[in-house]
Amino acid sequence: MSASKNLTPELFQPAMIADSAKNQLARERVGFWKDAWRRYCSNKGALIGLIIIIAIGLLAFIAPAVSSYDYQTQNVKIQNKESFYGDHIFGTDKFGRDLWTRTWYGAKISLLIAFLAAFLDLVIGVTFGGISGYFGGRVDMILQRIIEILYSIPNLIVVILLMLIFEPGIVPIAVAMAVAGWVPMARVVRAQMLKLKSQEFVLAARTLGASHGRILTKHMIPNVMGPIIIAVTFAIPTAIFFEAFLSFIGLGIRPPEASLGVLLSEGADVFQLFPYQLFWPAVVISLIMLSFNLIGDGLRDALDPRMRK
């Protein structure tokens, strides 16, 4: 009761606020992508993965260009030299070729194949899944039956069969992996389209007479870019694994060309005598796949607030 006696009407007078300050926001207005970038940077694992990928990418494209040795140049006088032999940082292989140059050139080839395959996955999957989810009905039923048939066939079998038909090379390998790998992307996009097509902004666009193509490209697909980016990020290490496996069994890049799969295959042949020839390519491909998985986890947490830790 004693505390209530100290309350006076003067304590409840409205605060004096200048007219210029009434229209100002109390805090900085942050857009979706800027806020997602802040959340991504707060994830130390994802940030480390991004730094590693940038470093590997720079080495893959710069190191072979500035190296004193060509990735195919043979020198029988320095066969199977250990790591850090002279200026051969990773040593040499059985033909005397510099493994430093071959490893980073192989990483460049593997990354090119992986990014091309992921891009083709993106184009095919977004187109197929967007049409299926947006139109629904009989169109969705037919397209989903096609997806279920393709999904029931193991990707590895499809890729191997296609590589038996195609000539080995960057584009054929990427196309073979895209043909077998676009289904998960299509399912992600379809699920998001089913969620969005009943939203008010889509109904408003239809009411205003927007065409189906405009609604898909201008309104719906931009709103599912978060899940699409995450799916692409996880598709890249999968493509790198498939490329390495195909090259390892002789269906991918063929020697004397270099890729991480070729280097792993050559290193496995002499592993008991010269383990360093397998060690360095294995470290590089492991770092690439680990980094992309860390980046994917970080993007999933950053682009979907419900996934934040």
Protein backbone atom coordinates (compact mmCIF):
# COMPACT_ATOMS: atom_id res chain seq x y z
CA MET A 1 0.00 0.00 0.00
CA SER A 2 2.88 2.33 0.78
CA ALA A 3 4.24 1.89 -2.74
CA SER A 4 0.90 2.77 -4.32
CA LYS A 5 0.81 6.06 -2.38
CA ASN A 6 3.92 7.17 -4.26
CA LEU A 7 2.15 6.86 -7.63
CA THR A 8 1.05 10.23 -8.95
CA PRO A 9 -0.73 11.19 -12.18
CA GLU A 10 2.44 12.89 -13.40
CA LEU A 11 4.15 9.52 -13.72
CA PHE A 12 1.64 8.40 -16.36
CA GLN A 13 1.96 11.30 -18.79
CA PRO A 14 2.78 10.30 -22.42
CA ALA A 15 6.42 10.66 -23.41
CA MET A 16 7.28 13.60 -25.61
CA ILE A 17 8.48 12.33 -29.00
CA ALA A 18 9.48 14.62 -31.84
CA ASP A 19 7.45 14.33 -35.03
CA SER A 20 10.60 13.48 -37.04
CA ALA A 21 11.32 10.48 -34.80
CA LYS A 22 7.84 8.98 -34.97
CA ASN A 23 8.36 7.59 -38.47
CA GLN A 24 11.79 6.13 -37.79
CA LEU A 25 12.28 2.41 -37.22
CA ALA A 26 13.56 1.34 -33.84
CA ARG A 27 16.11 -0.99 -35.47
CA GLU A 28 17.77 -1.45 -38.82
CA ARG A 29 15.56 -3.02 -41.45
CA VAL A 30 17.21 -6.22 -42.63
CA GLY A 31 16.18 -8.04 -45.81
CA PHE A 32 15.77 -11.79 -46.04
CA TRP A 33 19.06 -12.47 -47.83
CA LYS A 34 21.07 -10.14 -45.62
CA ASP A 35 19.62 -11.76 -42.52
CA ALA A 36 20.35 -15.22 -43.99
CA TRP A 37 23.96 -14.19 -44.64
CA ARG A 38 24.31 -13.02 -41.02
CA ARG A 39 22.95 -16.33 -39.75
CA TYR A 40 25.25 -18.22 -42.12
CA CYS A 41 28.32 -16.32 -40.89
CA SER A 42 27.37 -17.14 -37.30
CA ASN A 43 27.75 -20.85 -38.16
CA LYS A 44 31.48 -21.46 -37.74
CA GLY A 45 31.44 -24.85 -39.43
CA ALA A 46 29.68 -23.51 -42.53
CA LEU A 47 32.04 -20.53 -42.69
CA ILE A 48 35.08 -22.81 -42.46
CA GLY A 49 33.63 -24.97 -45.25
CA LEU A 50 33.18 -21.90 -47.46
CA ILE A 51 36.76 -20.77 -46.83
CA ILE A 52 38.11 -24.25 -47.66
CA ILE A 53 36.10 -24.43 -50.90
CA ILE A 54 37.30 -20.98 -51.97
CA ALA A 55 40.91 -21.97 -51.24
CA ILE A 56 40.60 -25.28 -53.12
CA GLY A 57 38.89 -23.53 -56.04
CA LEU A 58 41.66 -20.95 -56.30
CA LEU A 59 44.35 -23.63 -56.13
CA ALA A 60 42.53 -25.77 -58.70
CA PHE A 61 42.40 -22.98 -61.27
CA ILE A 62 45.63 -21.11 -60.47
CA ALA A 63 48.15 -23.76 -59.37
CA PRO A 64 48.28 -25.69 -62.69
CA ALA A 65 48.60 -22.43 -64.63
CA VAL A 66 51.57 -21.11 -62.62
CA SER A 67 53.29 -24.45 -62.01
CA SER A 68 56.67 -25.12 -63.60
CA TYR A 69 55.44 -28.55 -64.68
CA ASP A 70 52.69 -29.64 -67.01
CA TYR A 71 50.25 -32.21 -65.67
CA GLN A 72 51.08 -34.59 -68.54
CA THR A 73 54.85 -34.07 -68.82
CA GLN A 74 56.73 -37.30 -68.02
CA ASN A 75 60.28 -37.57 -66.67
CA VAL A 76 61.49 -41.12 -66.08
CA LYS A 77 64.50 -39.82 -64.11
CA ILE A 78 62.31 -38.80 -61.15
CA GLN A 79 59.80 -41.63 -60.98
CA ASN A 80 57.95 -42.23 -57.69
CA LYS A 81 59.73 -39.52 -55.71
CA GLU A 82 58.40 -38.88 -52.22
CA SER A 83 56.53 -35.75 -51.21
CA PHE A 84 58.57 -32.56 -50.92
CA TYR A 85 61.25 -33.96 -53.22
CA GLY A 86 62.90 -30.81 -54.53
CA ASP A 87 60.14 -28.51 -55.81
CA HIS A 88 57.69 -31.41 -56.19
CA ILE A 89 55.48 -30.69 -53.19
CA PHE A 90 53.30 -33.81 -53.56
CA GLY A 91 56.09 -35.87 -55.14
CA THR A 92 55.91 -37.60 -58.51
CA ASP A 93 54.07 -40.62 -59.91
CA LYS A 94 55.32 -43.72 -61.74
CA PHE A 95 55.86 -41.72 -64.93
CA GLY A 96 57.70 -38.89 -63.18
CA ARG A 97 54.76 -36.47 -63.50
CA ASP A 98 54.41 -33.76 -60.87
CA LEU A 99 51.60 -34.76 -58.48
CA TRP A 100 51.06 -31.21 -57.22
CA THR A 101 50.07 -30.07 -60.71
CA ARG A 102 48.09 -33.23 -61.48
CA THR A 103 46.19 -33.10 -58.18
CA TRP A 104 44.99 -29.53 -58.62
CA TYR A 105 44.29 -30.00 -62.32
CA GLY A 106 42.27 -33.10 -61.40
CA ALA A 107 40.42 -31.10 -58.74
CA LYS A 108 39.54 -28.50 -61.39
CA ILE A 109 38.16 -31.18 -63.73
CA SER A 110 36.15 -32.80 -60.92
CA LEU A 111 34.72 -29.43 -59.83
CA LEU A 112 33.79 -28.51 -63.40
CA ILE A 113 31.96 -31.80 -63.85
CA ALA A 114 30.21 -31.44 -60.49
CA PHE A 115 29.05 -27.86 -61.10
CA LEU A 116 27.88 -28.66 -64.63
CA ALA A 117 25.95 -31.70 -63.39
CA ALA A 118 24.42 -29.65 -60.56
CA PHE A 119 23.40 -26.93 -63.05
CA LEU A 120 21.69 -29.49 -65.29
CA ASP A 121 19.98 -30.98 -62.23
CA LEU A 122 18.76 -27.49 -61.39
CA VAL A 123 17.35 -26.78 -64.84
CA ILE A 124 15.64 -30.15 -65.32
CA GLY A 125 14.47 -30.56 -61.74
CA VAL A 126 13.05 -27.04 -61.36
CA THR A 127 11.25 -27.24 -64.71
CA PHE A 128 9.79 -30.70 -64.09
CA GLY A 129 8.91 -30.14 -60.43
CA GLY A 130 7.54 -26.65 -61.05
CA ILE A 131 5.15 -27.80 -63.79
CA SER A 132 4.07 -30.82 -61.75
CA GLY A 133 3.35 -28.89 -58.57
CA TYR A 134 1.81 -25.82 -60.19
CA PHE A 135 -0.68 -27.48 -62.54
CA GLY A 136 -1.52 -30.45 -60.31
CA GLY A 137 -4.34 -32.79 -61.27
CA ARG A 138 -3.73 -35.16 -64.18
CA VAL A 139 -0.48 -33.44 -65.15
CA ASP A 140 0.91 -33.95 -61.66
CA MET A 141 -0.26 -37.58 -61.59
CA ILE A 142 1.45 -38.43 -64.89
CA LEU A 143 4.68 -36.64 -64.03
CA GLN A 144 4.82 -38.21 -60.58
CA ARG A 145 4.47 -41.69 -62.04
CA ILE A 146 7.46 -40.92 -64.27
CA ILE A 147 9.44 -39.73 -61.24
CA GLU A 148 8.52 -42.85 -59.25
CA ILE A 149 9.74 -45.09 -62.08
CA LEU A 150 13.03 -43.22 -62.33
CA TYR A 151 13.42 -43.09 -58.56
CA SER A 152 13.09 -46.87 -58.33
CA ILE A 153 16.18 -47.33 -60.54
CA PRO A 154 19.52 -46.89 -58.69
CA ASN A 155 21.35 -43.80 -59.93
CA LEU A 156 24.65 -45.61 -60.18
CA ILE A 157 23.24 -48.18 -62.62
CA VAL A 158 21.81 -45.44 -64.84
CA VAL A 159 25.10 -43.52 -64.86
CA ILE A 160 27.15 -46.64 -65.67
CA LEU A 161 24.82 -47.62 -68.52
CA LEU A 162 24.95 -44.13 -69.99
CA MET A 163 28.74 -44.00 -69.75
CA LEU A 164 28.94 -47.26 -71.69
CA ILE A 165 27.18 -45.39 -74.51
CA PHE A 166 28.83 -41.96 -74.27
CA GLU A 167 32.43 -41.09 -75.00
CA PRO A 168 34.38 -40.17 -71.83
CA GLY A 169 34.64 -36.44 -71.23
CA ILE A 170 33.50 -33.60 -69.01
CA VAL A 171 30.17 -32.94 -70.74
CA PRO A 172 29.12 -36.60 -71.24
CA ILE A 173 29.86 -37.43 -67.60
CA ALA A 174 27.93 -34.37 -66.39
CA VAL A 175 24.97 -35.19 -68.65
CA ALA A 176 24.93 -38.82 -67.47
CA MET A 177 24.90 -37.73 -63.82
CA ALA A 178 22.21 -35.11 -64.49
CA VAL A 179 19.96 -37.64 -66.22
CA ALA A 180 20.16 -39.84 -63.15
CA GLY A 181 20.22 -37.13 -60.46
CA TRP A 182 17.51 -34.54 -61.19
CA VAL A 183 14.68 -36.44 -59.47
CA PRO A 184 15.38 -35.26 -55.88
CA MET A 185 15.45 -31.65 -57.09
CA ALA A 186 12.11 -32.11 -58.85
CA ARG A 187 10.51 -33.54 -55.71
CA VAL A 188 11.76 -30.64 -53.57
CA VAL A 189 10.44 -28.06 -56.04
CA ARG A 190 7.09 -29.83 -56.43
CA ALA A 191 6.55 -29.89 -52.67
CA GLN A 192 7.26 -26.17 -52.42
CA MET A 193 5.00 -25.38 -55.37
CA LEU A 194 2.09 -27.27 -53.80
CA LYS A 195 2.57 -25.17 -50.69
CA LEU A 196 2.78 -21.83 -52.50
CA LYS A 197 0.16 -22.09 -55.24
CA SER A 198 -2.72 -21.44 -52.83
CA GLN A 199 -1.07 -18.35 -51.32
CA GLU A 200 -2.70 -14.94 -51.71
CA PHE A 201 -0.03 -13.42 -53.96
CA VAL A 202 -0.45 -16.27 -56.49
CA LEU A 203 -4.24 -15.90 -56.44
CA ALA A 204 -3.82 -12.14 -56.92
CA ALA A 205 -1.54 -12.68 -59.92
CA ARG A 206 -4.08 -15.05 -61.48
CA THR A 207 -6.88 -12.53 -60.87
CA LEU A 208 -4.86 -9.82 -62.62
CA GLY A 209 -4.52 -12.06 -65.67
CA ALA A 210 -0.87 -13.13 -65.34
CA SER A 211 0.07 -16.08 -67.54
CA HIS A 212 1.14 -19.42 -66.09
CA GLY A 213 4.71 -18.85 -67.24
CA ARG A 214 4.90 -15.45 -65.57
CA ILE A 215 3.43 -16.75 -62.31
CA LEU A 216 5.97 -19.59 -62.27
CA THR A 217 9.05 -17.56 -63.20
CA LYS A 218 8.27 -14.24 -61.51
CA HIS A 219 6.32 -15.20 -58.41
CA MET A 220 6.69 -18.84 -57.37
CA ILE A 221 10.21 -19.97 -58.30
CA PRO A 222 11.87 -16.92 -56.64
CA ASN A 223 10.05 -17.86 -53.44
CA VAL A 224 11.51 -21.37 -53.42
CA MET A 225 15.11 -20.32 -54.08
CA GLY A 226 16.12 -21.23 -50.54
CA PRO A 227 15.32 -24.96 -50.81
CA ILE A 228 16.67 -24.98 -54.38
CA ILE A 229 20.03 -23.53 -53.32
CA ILE A 230 20.28 -26.05 -50.50
CA ALA A 231 19.48 -28.95 -52.85
CA VAL A 232 22.11 -27.78 -55.35
CA THR A 233 24.71 -27.49 -52.60
CA PHE A 234 24.12 -31.09 -51.54
CA ALA A 235 24.05 -32.27 -55.18
CA ILE A 236 27.61 -31.06 -55.85
CA PRO A 237 29.45 -33.48 -53.49
CA THR A 238 27.25 -36.31 -54.79
CA ALA A 239 28.35 -35.48 -58.34
CA ILE A 240 32.00 -35.37 -57.24
CA PHE A 241 31.62 -38.82 -55.71
CA PHE A 242 30.06 -40.24 -58.87
CA GLU A 243 32.79 -38.71 -61.03
CA ALA A 244 35.50 -40.16 -58.80
CA PHE A 245 33.83 -43.57 -58.82
CA LEU A 246 33.40 -43.63 -62.60
CA SER A 247 37.00 -42.58 -63.18
CA PHE A 248 38.18 -45.10 -60.59
CA ILE A 249 36.56 -48.00 -62.45
CA GLY A 250 37.65 -46.68 -65.85
CA LEU A 251 34.33 -45.32 -67.16
CA GLY A 252 35.02 -41.63 -66.50
CA ILE A 253 37.98 -39.45 -67.36
CA ARG A 254 40.65 -41.59 -69.02
CA PRO A 255 44.44 -41.30 -68.43
CA PRO A 256 46.63 -39.44 -69.26
CA GLU A 257 43.94 -36.86 -68.46
CA ALA A 258 43.61 -36.18 -64.76
CA SER A 259 40.71 -36.04 -62.35
CA LEU A 260 40.52 -36.88 -58.67
CA GLY A 261 39.05 -40.27 -59.56
CA VAL A 262 41.92 -41.02 -61.98
CA LEU A 263 44.49 -40.02 -59.35
CA LEU A 264 42.80 -42.18 -56.73
CA SER A 265 42.83 -45.13 -59.12
CA GLU A 266 46.51 -44.66 -59.96
CA GLY A 267 47.39 -44.19 -56.30
CA ALA A 268 45.51 -47.31 -55.25
CA ASP A 269 47.60 -49.41 -57.67
CA VAL A 270 50.83 -48.48 -55.86
CA PHE A 271 49.43 -47.80 -52.39
CA GLN A 272 51.55 -50.40 -50.58
CA LEU A 273 54.79 -49.05 -52.06
CA PHE A 274 54.04 -45.34 -52.43
CA PRO A 275 51.07 -44.40 -50.20
CA TYR A 276 51.58 -40.66 -50.71
CA GLN A 277 50.26 -41.00 -54.28
CA LEU A 278 46.86 -41.97 -52.86
CA PHE A 279 47.05 -39.76 -49.78
CA TRP A 280 47.04 -36.31 -51.42
CA PRO A 281 44.11 -36.86 -53.84
CA ALA A 282 42.15 -38.53 -51.05
CA VAL A 283 42.72 -35.52 -48.77
CA VAL A 284 41.60 -33.08 -51.46
CA ILE A 285 38.41 -34.95 -52.39
CA SER A 286 37.57 -35.49 -48.71
CA LEU A 287 37.97 -31.77 -47.98
CA ILE A 288 35.78 -30.86 -50.97
CA MET A 289 32.95 -33.20 -50.00
CA LEU A 290 33.15 -32.29 -46.29
CA SER A 291 33.16 -28.56 -47.08
CA PHE A 292 30.14 -28.73 -49.36
CA ASN A 293 28.22 -30.70 -46.74
CA LEU A 294 29.11 -28.07 -44.12
CA ILE A 295 28.02 -25.32 -46.51
CA GLY A 296 24.75 -27.15 -47.19
CA ASP A 297 24.03 -27.52 -43.47
CA GLY A 298 24.80 -23.83 -42.94
CA LEU A 299 22.55 -22.76 -45.80
CA ARG A 300 19.74 -24.96 -44.52
CA ASP A 301 19.93 -23.29 -41.10
CA ALA A 302 20.31 -19.80 -42.58
CA LEU A 303 17.56 -19.95 -45.22
CA ASP A 304 15.00 -21.73 -43.05
CA PRO A 305 14.57 -20.03 -39.63
CA ARG A 306 12.81 -23.15 -38.33
CA MET A 307 16.09 -25.08 -38.75
CA ARG A 308 18.15 -22.67 -36.69
CA LYS A 309 19.98 -24.21 -33.77
